[in-house]
Each structure stands twice: as structure tokens, then as C-alpha cells.
Amino acid sequence: MTTKEQKVLQRKFNGVVVSKKSDKTIVVSVDRTVVHSKYKKRYVQSRKYQVHDEYNEYAEGDKATFVECRPYSKTKRWRVLRKKTA
């Protein structure tokens, strides 16, 4: 494989938009289920990501899919995939 043929692996997450107060930025909360190592109890951990939304398409409560990308700012290293219009 040459350098042009190498595939770059991008992390991809799904979550719910919890804030849309900034221009071209949304905050997406991603939940994941974890099993405790000793007690074997399942619990939910959530994390918030600052995601770049170029066209301001998303509103609070929408489901969003986003991928890793170049840094847009100090906190934004993710960009949202285009919203599917039906």
C-alpha cells in the first residue's frame, strides 16, 4: 500500500443534542453502558462532546452522528454528519 491508499480510521459516535446555544456548535451527549468489575451491576456513563455543525441544522433533542476530524477550535475536534432530510 502506498500512502495515498492507506485508510484513515475515524471514530464515530451517536448521541443526543443537549445544547445549541453557540453558532455552528452543538453539544452532544453520548451514553454508554458499563458493567462494574466487582459487583457486575450495569450503569450508564455519559460524556459531552463539542461538535461542529456547519449549517446549524440540528436542534436540541435531535439524534446526531458525528466523526473525528481536524481541530476546529480549542474544544472542537468532531464534526457532525449531514442530517438526512426526508
Protein backbone atom coordinates (compact mmCIF):
# COMPACT_ATOMS: atom_id res chain seq x y z
CA MET A 1 0.00 0.00 0.00
CA THR A 2 1.18 3.46 -0.79
CA THR A 3 0.46 6.42 1.45
CA LYS A 4 -2.46 7.53 -0.73
CA GLU A 5 -4.15 4.13 -0.43
CA GLN A 6 -3.98 3.88 3.36
CA LYS A 7 -7.37 4.18 5.01
CA VAL A 8 -7.69 6.50 7.97
CA LEU A 9 -9.84 5.10 10.78
CA GLN A 10 -12.20 7.68 12.23
CA ARG A 11 -14.05 7.27 15.49
CA LYS A 12 -17.81 7.61 15.07
CA PHE A 13 -20.41 8.22 17.80
CA ASN A 14 -24.17 8.60 18.11
CA GLY A 15 -25.80 10.83 20.70
CA VAL A 16 -28.47 13.36 21.57
CA VAL A 17 -28.07 17.13 21.15
CA VAL A 18 -28.33 18.78 24.58
CA SER A 19 -27.32 22.36 23.68
CA LYS A 20 -27.35 24.54 20.57
CA LYS A 21 -26.56 27.96 22.03
CA SER A 22 -23.35 28.63 20.11
CA ASP A 23 -23.13 29.41 16.40
CA LYS A 24 -22.04 26.37 14.33
CA THR A 25 -21.51 24.35 17.51
CA ILE A 26 -23.70 21.76 19.19
CA VAL A 27 -23.11 19.84 22.41
CA VAL A 28 -23.89 16.13 22.05
CA SER A 29 -24.27 13.77 24.99
CA VAL A 30 -23.16 10.18 24.36
CA ASP A 31 -24.26 7.43 26.76
CA ARG A 32 -22.54 4.09 27.18
CA THR A 33 -23.37 1.13 29.38
CA VAL A 34 -20.60 -0.17 31.64
CA VAL A 35 -20.50 -3.28 33.83
CA HIS A 36 -18.87 -2.90 37.25
CA SER A 37 -15.92 -5.29 37.56
CA LYS A 38 -16.65 -6.44 41.12
CA TYR A 39 -20.41 -6.13 41.56
CA LYS A 40 -21.42 -6.91 37.94
CA LYS A 41 -24.00 -4.13 38.02
CA ARG A 42 -24.70 -2.23 34.82
CA TYR A 43 -24.74 1.55 34.87
CA VAL A 44 -24.76 4.34 32.31
CA GLN A 45 -21.89 6.76 31.84
CA SER A 46 -22.39 9.86 29.72
CA ARG A 47 -19.94 12.25 28.14
CA LYS A 48 -20.50 15.52 26.30
CA TYR A 49 -18.74 16.43 23.06
CA GLN A 50 -18.47 19.84 21.37
CA VAL A 51 -19.34 19.13 17.72
CA HIS A 52 -19.02 21.38 14.67
CA ASP A 53 -22.36 21.90 12.86
CA GLU A 54 -21.54 23.94 9.73
CA TYR A 55 -25.13 24.58 8.63
CA ASN A 56 -26.85 24.86 12.05
CA GLU A 57 -29.19 22.00 11.09
CA TYR A 58 -29.62 20.37 14.49
CA ALA A 59 -31.92 21.38 17.35
CA GLU A 60 -31.99 20.25 20.97
CA GLY A 61 -33.30 16.71 21.33
CA ASP A 62 -32.23 15.58 17.83
CA LYS A 63 -30.15 12.45 17.39
CA ALA A 64 -26.75 13.21 15.87
CA THR A 65 -23.97 11.11 14.37
CA PHE A 66 -20.51 12.64 14.38
CA VAL A 67 -16.95 11.67 13.44
CA GLU A 68 -13.44 12.64 14.41
CA CYS A 69 -11.76 15.36 12.34
CA ARG A 70 -9.16 18.09 12.43
CA PRO A 71 -9.29 20.59 15.31
CA TYR A 72 -11.76 23.42 14.62
CA SER A 73 -11.04 25.17 17.91
CA LYS A 74 -9.66 24.53 21.40
CA THR A 75 -12.50 22.16 22.31
CA LYS A 76 -13.95 21.06 18.94
CA ARG A 77 -12.36 18.02 17.31
CA TRP A 78 -15.56 16.49 15.94
CA ARG A 79 -17.85 17.28 13.01
CA VAL A 80 -21.43 16.23 12.58
CA LEU A 81 -22.54 14.20 9.57
CA ARG A 82 -25.17 15.83 7.35
CA LYS A 83 -28.72 15.50 8.60
CA LYS A 84 -30.88 13.30 6.38
CA THR A 85 -33.88 15.18 5.03
CA ALA A 86 -36.86 13.00 4.19
